C-alpha atoms as a PDB file:
ATOM      1  CA  MET A   1      79.489 110.515  97.179  1.00  0.00           C
ATOM      2  CA  ASN A   2      82.771 109.335  99.091  1.00  0.00           C
ATOM      3  CA  GLN A   3      84.553 112.384  98.286  1.00  0.00           C
ATOM      4  CA  PHE A   4      82.199 114.541 100.292  1.00  0.00           C
ATOM      5  CA  VAL A   5      81.714 111.863 103.320  1.00  0.00           C
ATOM      6  CA  LYS A   6      85.465 112.337 103.966  1.00  0.00           C
ATOM      7  CA  PRO A   7      85.522 116.085 104.457  1.00  0.00           C
ATOM      8  CA  ALA A   8      82.502 115.668 106.334  1.00  0.00           C
ATOM      9  CA  VAL A   9      83.878 113.041 108.977  1.00  0.00           C
ATOM     10  CA  ILE A  10      87.340 114.817 109.557  1.00  0.00           C
ATOM     11  CA  GLY A  11      85.185 118.083 110.326  1.00  0.00           C
ATOM     12  CA  ALA A  12      83.325 116.256 113.203  1.00  0.00           C
ATOM     13  CA  SER A  13      86.757 114.343 114.409  1.00  0.00           C
ATOM     14  CA  ILE A  14      88.033 117.681 114.558  1.00  0.00           C
ATOM     15  CA  VAL A  15      84.945 119.268 116.390  1.00  0.00           C
ATOM     16  CA  VAL A  16      84.825 116.083 118.995  1.00  0.00           C
ATOM     17  CA  THR A  17      88.114 116.610 119.537  1.00  0.00           C
ATOM     18  CA  LEU A  18      88.512 120.553 120.231  1.00  0.00           C
ATOM     19  CA  VAL A  19      85.291 120.025 122.442  1.00  0.00           C
ATOM     20  CA  LEU A  20      87.077 117.224 124.269  1.00  0.00           C
ATOM     21  CA  GLY A  21      90.375 119.501 124.635  1.00  0.00           C
ATOM     22  CA  ILE A  22      88.451 122.251 126.257  1.00  0.00           C
ATOM     23  CA  PHE A  23      86.094 120.121 128.720  1.00  0.00           C
ATOM     24  CA  VAL A  24      89.747 118.647 129.779  1.00  0.00           C
ATOM     25  CA  ILE A  25      91.100 122.211 130.006  1.00  0.00           C
ATOM     26  CA  LEU A  26      88.265 123.685 132.231  1.00  0.00           C
ATOM     27  CA  ARG A  27      88.533 120.344 134.333  1.00  0.00           C
ATOM     28  CA  LEU A  28      92.239 120.649 134.911  1.00  0.00           C
ATOM     29  CA  SER A  29      91.985 124.061 135.602  1.00  0.00           C
ATOM     30  CA  GLY A  30      88.684 123.649 138.043  1.00  0.00           C
ATOM     31  CA  VAL A  31      86.920 125.898 135.994  1.00  0.00           C
ATOM     32  CA  LEU A  32      84.052 122.915 135.757  1.00  0.00           C
ATOM     33  CA  LEU A  33      84.440 119.739 137.303  1.00  0.00           C
ATOM     34  CA  TYR A  34      81.972 117.115 136.211  1.00  0.00           C
ATOM     35  CA  PHE A  35      81.219 114.145 138.695  1.00  0.00           C
ATOM     36  CA  LYS A  36      78.543 111.075 138.883  1.00  0.00           C
ATOM     37  CA  MET A  37      77.347 110.887 142.576  1.00  0.00           C
ATOM     38  CA  VAL A  38      78.833 107.512 143.890  1.00  0.00           C
ATOM     39  CA  SER A  39      77.416 107.872 147.438  1.00  0.00           C
ATOM     40  CA  GLY A  40      73.632 108.762 149.047  1.00  0.00           C
ATOM     41  CA  SER A  41      75.251 111.140 151.646  1.00  0.00           C
ATOM     42  CA  SER A  42      73.487 113.944 150.273  1.00  0.00           C
ATOM     43  CA  GLU A  43      70.131 112.583 149.559  1.00  0.00           C
ATOM     44  CA  PRO A  44      67.450 113.167 148.664  1.00  0.00           C
ATOM     45  CA  ASN A  45      68.527 116.451 147.241  1.00  0.00           C
ATOM     46  CA  LEU A  46      71.731 115.023 145.221  1.00  0.00           C
ATOM     47  CA  LYS A  47      70.955 111.262 144.383  1.00  0.00           C
ATOM     48  CA  MET A  48      72.614 108.423 143.826  1.00  0.00           C
ATOM     49  CA  GLY A  49      73.705 108.309 140.100  1.00  0.00           C
ATOM     50  CA  GLU A  50      73.114 111.788 139.232  1.00  0.00           C
ATOM     51  CA  ARG A  51      75.630 113.805 136.785  1.00  0.00           C
ATOM     52  CA  VAL A  52      76.813 116.698 138.713  1.00  0.00           C
ATOM     53  CA  PHE A  53      78.696 120.029 137.071  1.00  0.00           C
ATOM     54  CA  ALA A  54      80.984 122.318 139.577  1.00  0.00           C
ATOM     55  CA  SER A  55      82.494 124.971 139.253  1.00  0.00           C
ATOM     56  CA  GLY A  56      85.634 126.538 141.088  1.00  0.00           C
ATOM     57  CA  LEU A  57      84.912 130.302 140.265  1.00  0.00           C
ATOM     58  CA  LYS A  58      81.872 130.301 141.980  1.00  0.00           C
ATOM     59  CA  ALA A  59      82.301 131.755 145.436  1.00  0.00           C
ATOM     60  CA  PRO A  60      80.127 128.895 148.179  1.00  0.00           C
ATOM     61  CA  LYS A  61      77.692 130.205 150.085  1.00  0.00           C
ATOM     62  CA  VAL A  62      75.674 128.964 153.065  1.00  0.00           C
ATOM     63  CA  ASN A  63      73.771 126.149 151.407  1.00  0.00           C
ATOM     64  CA  ASP A  64      75.283 125.479 148.065  1.00  0.00           C
ATOM     65  CA  PHE A  65      76.834 122.089 147.864  1.00  0.00           C
ATOM     66  CA  ILE A  66      80.059 122.320 147.650  1.00  0.00           C
ATOM     67  CA  CYS A  67      83.473 119.839 146.484  1.00  0.00           C
ATOM     68  CA  PHE A  68      86.339 119.600 148.290  1.00  0.00           C
ATOM     69  CA  ALA A  69      89.232 117.156 148.945  1.00  0.00           C
ATOM     70  CA  ALA A  70      89.674 114.918 151.740  1.00  0.00           C
ATOM     71  CA  TYR A  71      92.776 112.789 152.607  1.00  0.00           C
ATOM     72  CA  ASP A  72      92.001 109.311 152.462  1.00  0.00           C
ATOM     73  CA  SER A  73      94.582 107.371 154.704  1.00  0.00           C
ATOM     74  CA  ILE A  74      93.352 104.133 154.032  1.00  0.00           C
ATOM     75  CA  ASN A  75      94.228 104.427 150.631  1.00  0.00           C
ATOM     76  CA  ASN A  76      97.200 107.085 150.343  1.00  0.00           C
ATOM     77  CA  ARG A  77      95.104 109.578 148.421  1.00  0.00           C
ATOM     78  CA  ALA A  78      92.561 112.454 148.251  1.00  0.00           C
ATOM     79  CA  ASP A  79      89.182 112.060 147.258  1.00  0.00           C
ATOM     80  CA  ILE A  80      86.824 114.706 145.871  1.00  0.00           C
ATOM     81  CA  LEU A  81      83.840 115.242 148.443  1.00  0.00           C
ATOM     82  CA  MET A  82      80.564 116.600 148.327  1.00  0.00           C
ATOM     83  CA  HIS A  83      78.576 118.217 150.663  1.00  0.00           C
ATOM     84  CA  ARG A  84      76.317 120.911 152.142  1.00  0.00           C
ATOM     85  CA  LEU A  85      77.921 124.025 153.300  1.00  0.00           C
ATOM     86  CA  CYS A  86      75.924 124.842 156.175  1.00  0.00           C
ATOM     87  CA  ALA A  87      77.933 127.583 158.301  1.00  0.00           C
ATOM     88  CA  LYS A  88      81.664 129.295 157.598  1.00  0.00           C
ATOM     89  CA  GLY A  89      84.542 130.847 159.650  1.00  0.00           C
ATOM     90  CA  GLY A  90      82.934 133.109 162.659  1.00  0.00           C
ATOM     91  CA  ASP A  91      79.792 130.950 162.308  1.00  0.00           C
ATOM     92  CA  LYS A  92      78.781 128.994 165.999  1.00  0.00           C
ATOM     93  CA  VAL A  93      77.039 125.277 165.085  1.00  0.00           C
ATOM     94  CA  GLU A  94      75.104 123.378 166.820  1.00  0.00           C
ATOM     95  CA  ILE A  95      72.590 120.520 166.675  1.00  0.00           C
ATOM     96  CA  LYS A  96      70.051 119.855 169.411  1.00  0.00           C
ATOM     97  CA  ASP A  97      68.114 116.928 169.105  1.00  0.00           C
ATOM     98  CA  GLY A  98      68.542 116.305 165.479  1.00  0.00           C
ATOM     99  CA  VAL A  99      67.778 120.086 164.465  1.00  0.00           C
ATOM    100  CA  LEU A 100      71.170 122.088 163.114  1.00  0.00           C
ATOM    101  CA  ILE A 101      71.298 125.502 164.518  1.00  0.00           C
ATOM    102  CA  VAL A 102      73.558 128.023 163.001  1.00  0.00           C
ATOM    103  CA  ASN A 103      74.256 131.503 165.286  1.00  0.00           C
ATOM    104  CA  GLY A 104      70.880 130.999 167.039  1.00  0.00           C
ATOM    105  CA  LEU A 105      68.434 130.130 163.964  1.00  0.00           C
ATOM    106  CA  ALA A 106      67.233 126.774 163.135  1.00  0.00           C
ATOM    107  CA  GLU A 107      67.427 125.096 159.676  1.00  0.00           C
ATOM    108  CA  THR A 108      64.400 125.388 157.797  1.00  0.00           C
ATOM    109  CA  GLY A 109      63.632 125.128 153.931  1.00  0.00           C
ATOM    110  CA  ILE A 110      65.727 121.622 153.284  1.00  0.00           C
ATOM    111  CA  LYS A 111      64.550 118.678 152.685  1.00  0.00           C
ATOM    112  CA  LEU A 112      66.486 115.595 154.498  1.00  0.00           C
ATOM    113  CA  THR A 113      66.624 112.218 154.850  1.00  0.00           C
ATOM    114  CA  ASN A 114      65.760 110.789 157.826  1.00  0.00           C
ATOM    115  CA  GLU A 115      65.889 108.052 159.677  1.00  0.00           C
ATOM    116  CA  TYR A 116      62.887 106.143 160.967  1.00  0.00           C
ATOM    117  CA  LEU A 117      62.180 103.428 163.238  1.00  0.00           C
ATOM    118  CA  VAL A 118      59.480 101.564 161.548  1.00  0.00           C
ATOM    119  CA  PRO A 119      57.330  98.020 162.765  1.00  0.00           C
ATOM    120  CA  ARG A 120      58.289  95.373 160.947  1.00  0.00           C
ATOM    121  CA  ALA A 121      54.471  94.992 159.256  1.00  0.00           C
ATOM    122  CA  TYR A 122      55.009  98.023 157.518  1.00  0.00           C
ATOM    123  CA  LEU A 123      57.532  96.270 155.396  1.00  0.00           C
ATOM    124  CA  PRO A 124      55.685  95.201 152.615  1.00  0.00           C
ATOM    125  CA  LYS A 125      54.120  98.844 151.939  1.00  0.00           C
ATOM    126  CA  ILE A 126      57.642 100.330 151.229  1.00  0.00           C
ATOM    127  CA  PRO A 127      57.945 100.352 147.332  1.00  0.00           C
ATOM    128  CA  ASN A 128      61.476  99.503 145.565  1.00  0.00           C
ATOM    129  CA  THR A 129      62.388 102.669 144.900  1.00  0.00           C
ATOM    130  CA  SER A 130      65.424 105.504 145.210  1.00  0.00           C
ATOM    131  CA  GLU A 131      63.328 107.523 147.586  1.00  0.00           C
ATOM    132  CA  VAL A 132      64.332 105.016 150.142  1.00  0.00           C
ATOM    133  CA  ASN A 133      67.892 105.193 150.950  1.00  0.00           C
ATOM    134  CA  ASN A 134      68.310 102.484 152.879  1.00  0.00           C
ATOM    135  CA  ILE A 135      67.200 100.033 155.472  1.00  0.00           C
ATOM    136  CA  MET A 136      68.631  98.142 157.892  1.00  0.00           C
ATOM    137  CA  ASP A 137      66.831  95.031 159.469  1.00  0.00           C
ATOM    138  CA  MET A 138      68.385  94.798 162.928  1.00  0.00           C
ATOM    139  CA  GLY A 139      66.471  91.246 163.272  1.00  0.00           C
ATOM    140  CA  GLU A 140      64.083  92.865 165.664  1.00  0.00           C
ATOM    141  CA  ASP A 141      60.344  93.530 165.601  1.00  0.00           C
ATOM    142  CA  SER A 142      60.992  96.905 163.598  1.00  0.00           C
ATOM    143  CA  VAL A 143      63.292  98.213 160.838  1.00  0.00           C
ATOM    144  CA  HIS A 144      65.536 101.735 160.583  1.00  0.00           C
ATOM    145  CA  VAL A 145      64.307 103.132 157.235  1.00  0.00           C
ATOM    146  CA  PHE A 146      66.079 106.137 155.545  1.00  0.00           C
ATOM    147  CA  ALA A 147      63.656 108.403 153.721  1.00  0.00           C
ATOM    148  CA  THR A 148      61.708 111.515 153.343  1.00  0.00           C
ATOM    149  CA  ILE A 149      59.252 112.819 156.077  1.00  0.00           C
ATOM    150  CA  ASP A 150      56.947 113.127 152.788  1.00  0.00           C
ATOM    151  CA  PHE A 151      57.968 109.257 151.462  1.00  0.00           C
ATOM    152  CA  MET A 152      56.523 108.162 154.527  1.00  0.00           C
ATOM    153  CA  LYS A 153      53.190 110.164 154.360  1.00  0.00           C
ATOM    154  CA  GLU A 154      52.636 109.446 150.871  1.00  0.00           C
ATOM    155  CA  ASN A 155      53.035 105.837 151.732  1.00  0.00           C
ATOM    156  CA  GLY A 156      51.189 105.793 155.035  1.00  0.00           C
ATOM    157  CA  ILE A 157      53.875 104.381 156.557  1.00  0.00           C
ATOM    158  CA  VAL A 158      54.096 104.815 160.728  1.00  0.00           C
ATOM    159  CA  GLY A 159      57.256 105.238 162.034  1.00  0.00           C
ATOM    160  CA  LYS A 160      59.104 107.008 164.953  1.00  0.00           C
ATOM    161  CA  LEU A 161      62.185 109.597 163.815  1.00  0.00           C
ATOM    162  CA  VAL A 162      65.479 108.228 165.547  1.00  0.00           C
ATOM    163  CA  VAL A 163      66.903 111.131 167.360  1.00  0.00           C
ATOM    164  CA  HIS A 164      69.697 109.973 169.382  1.00  0.00           C
ATOM    165  CA  PRO A 165      69.424 111.583 173.083  1.00  0.00           C
ATOM    166  CA  VAL A 166      71.939 113.577 174.654  1.00  0.00           C
ATOM    167  CA  ALA A 167      73.428 110.218 176.972  1.00  0.00           C
ATOM    168  CA  PHE A 168      74.280 108.451 174.129  1.00  0.00           C
ATOM    169  CA  VAL A 169      77.981 108.879 173.019  1.00  0.00           C
ATOM    170  CA  ASP A 170      78.575 108.225 169.121  1.00  0.00           C
ATOM    171  CA  GLU A 171      82.644 107.171 169.939  1.00  0.00           C
ATOM    172  CA  MET A 172      84.010 108.668 166.416  1.00  0.00           C
ATOM    173  CA  VAL A 173      82.162 111.719 167.187  1.00  0.00           C
ATOM    174  CA  ALA A 174      83.241 112.021 170.341  1.00  0.00           C
ATOM    175  CA  LEU A 175      87.130 111.329 169.191  1.00  0.00           C
ATOM    176  CA  ARG A 176      87.095 114.021 167.090  1.00  0.00           C
ATOM    177  CA  TRP A 177      85.991 116.437 169.025  1.00  0.00           C
ATOM    178  CA  GLN A 178      87.051 115.067 172.696  1.00  0.00           C
ATOM    179  CA  HIS A 179      83.172 115.903 173.781  1.00  0.00           C
ATOM    180  CA  ASN A 180      80.575 113.497 174.416  1.00  0.00           C
ATOM    181  CA  TRP A 181      78.557 114.356 171.162  1.00  0.00           C
ATOM    182  CA  ASN A 182      76.670 112.431 168.318  1.00  0.00           C
ATOM    183  CA  LEU A 183      74.896 113.039 165.469  1.00  0.00           C
ATOM    184  CA  ASP A 184      71.741 114.805 167.424  1.00  0.00           C
ATOM    185  CA  GLN A 185      73.356 116.454 170.169  1.00  0.00           C
ATOM    186  CA  PHE A 186      76.606 118.431 169.205  1.00  0.00           C
ATOM    187  CA  GLY A 187      78.165 121.466 169.801  1.00  0.00           C
ATOM    188  CA  PRO A 188      78.044 124.478 170.014  1.00  0.00           C
ATOM    189  CA  VAL A 189      81.508 125.185 167.873  1.00  0.00           C
ATOM    190  CA  VAL A 190      82.785 128.037 166.321  1.00  0.00           C
ATOM    191  CA  VAL A 191      83.961 127.688 163.030  1.00  0.00           C
ATOM    192  CA  PRO A 192      87.461 128.798 162.243  1.00  0.00           C
ATOM    193  CA  ALA A 193      88.096 131.597 159.966  1.00  0.00           C
ATOM    194  CA  ASN A 194      88.484 130.198 156.485  1.00  0.00           C
ATOM    195  CA  CYS A 195      86.771 127.173 156.985  1.00  0.00           C
ATOM    196  CA  TYR A 196      83.781 125.496 156.514  1.00  0.00           C
ATOM    197  CA  PHE A 197      81.143 123.295 158.104  1.00  0.00           C
ATOM    198  CA  VAL A 198      79.624 120.799 155.950  1.00  0.00           C
ATOM    199  CA  LEU A 199      76.788 118.190 156.187  1.00  0.00           C
ATOM    200  CA  GLY A 200      74.895 115.228 154.092  1.00  0.00           C
ATOM    201  CA  ASP A 201      71.171 115.884 153.866  1.00  0.00           C
ATOM    202  CA  ASN A 202      70.947 112.159 154.764  1.00  0.00           C
ATOM    203  CA  ARG A 203      71.736 113.072 158.327  1.00  0.00           C
ATOM    204  CA  HIS A 204      72.051 109.549 159.744  1.00  0.00           C
ATOM    205  CA  ASN A 205      74.443 108.247 156.860  1.00  0.00           C
ATOM    206  CA  ALA A 206      76.842 110.898 156.036  1.00  0.00           C
ATOM    207  CA  PHE A 207      80.686 111.098 156.921  1.00  0.00           C
ATOM    208  CA  ASP A 208      80.354 114.580 157.076  1.00  0.00           C
ATOM    209  CA  SER A 209      82.358 117.034 159.061  1.00  0.00           C
ATOM    210  CA  ARG A 210      80.610 115.871 162.429  1.00  0.00           C
ATOM    211  CA  TYR A 211      83.041 112.806 162.089  1.00  0.00           C
ATOM    212  CA  ARG A 212      86.046 114.780 159.752  1.00  0.00           C
ATOM    213  CA  GLY A 213      85.729 117.967 161.390  1.00  0.00           C
ATOM    214  CA  PHE A 214      85.954 121.357 159.476  1.00  0.00           C
ATOM    215  CA  VAL A 215      86.720 121.993 155.783  1.00  0.00           C
ATOM    216  CA  ASP A 216      89.901 123.918 155.238  1.00  0.00           C
ATOM    217  CA  GLY A 217      89.379 126.658 152.676  1.00  0.00           C
ATOM    218  CA  LYS A 218      92.458 125.577 150.654  1.00  0.00           C
ATOM    219  CA  ASP A 219      90.651 121.865 150.271  1.00  0.00           C
ATOM    220  CA  PHE A 220      87.559 123.759 148.341  1.00  0.00           C
ATOM    221  CA  ARG A 221      87.719 122.841 144.996  1.00  0.00           C
ATOM    222  CA  ALA A 222      84.072 123.960 143.241  1.00  0.00           C
ATOM    223  CA  THR A 223      80.581 124.508 144.203  1.00  0.00           C
ATOM    224  CA  VAL A 224      77.795 122.390 142.574  1.00  0.00           C
ATOM    225  CA  VAL A 225      76.129 124.507 139.892  1.00  0.00           C
ATOM    226  CA  TRP A 226      73.907 122.009 137.856  1.00  0.00           C
ATOM    227  CA  HIS A 227      73.065 118.275 138.774  1.00  0.00           C
ATOM    228  CA  ASN A 228      70.537 116.229 137.392  1.00  0.00           C
END
């Protein structure tokens, strides 16, 4: 019997080695990339811990999630980040009262994680679930809850949507764009040729184009094709 087991084990090892080799080749060539989400910046649509496959062969379209290289000056390395492609070269982008507007049309149909100011009395009603991206306790009568509007309604939680007014200046946004803008009052700007404007679906908890600027086309790596 051992005479049959040994060839079977060898055959299985060869198959596994071939599969791993093919995957490595696909990854190095950019044909197929695999990631595990380590950030909640694109929740609720790309959840932390999800497995993501992306392909460099798929041309990016508006509303696709894309992977791109971003230089990390602190650690002196290029990281691969992932955000939603919201506008391409030639598109006019602005954000008014938290609503993304591209070429005069307001964004619709995208489920977003928003920031809500919720009375502290509602804290016991907020379940411990991945649907809540974050809860910030500022030591006040209210807490800041990052969740979807559906989650708020389903759990009977009453809160005020946080929208930064025009008068509020986000220093990091202002430094990058040289305008007194913030996350909810931004632009207008026109996306340069061969560049992308990207946003995280967790709009108040994403280090995206509002902070880091446009994504150069040469830094594009892949388009997300599957996640779970």
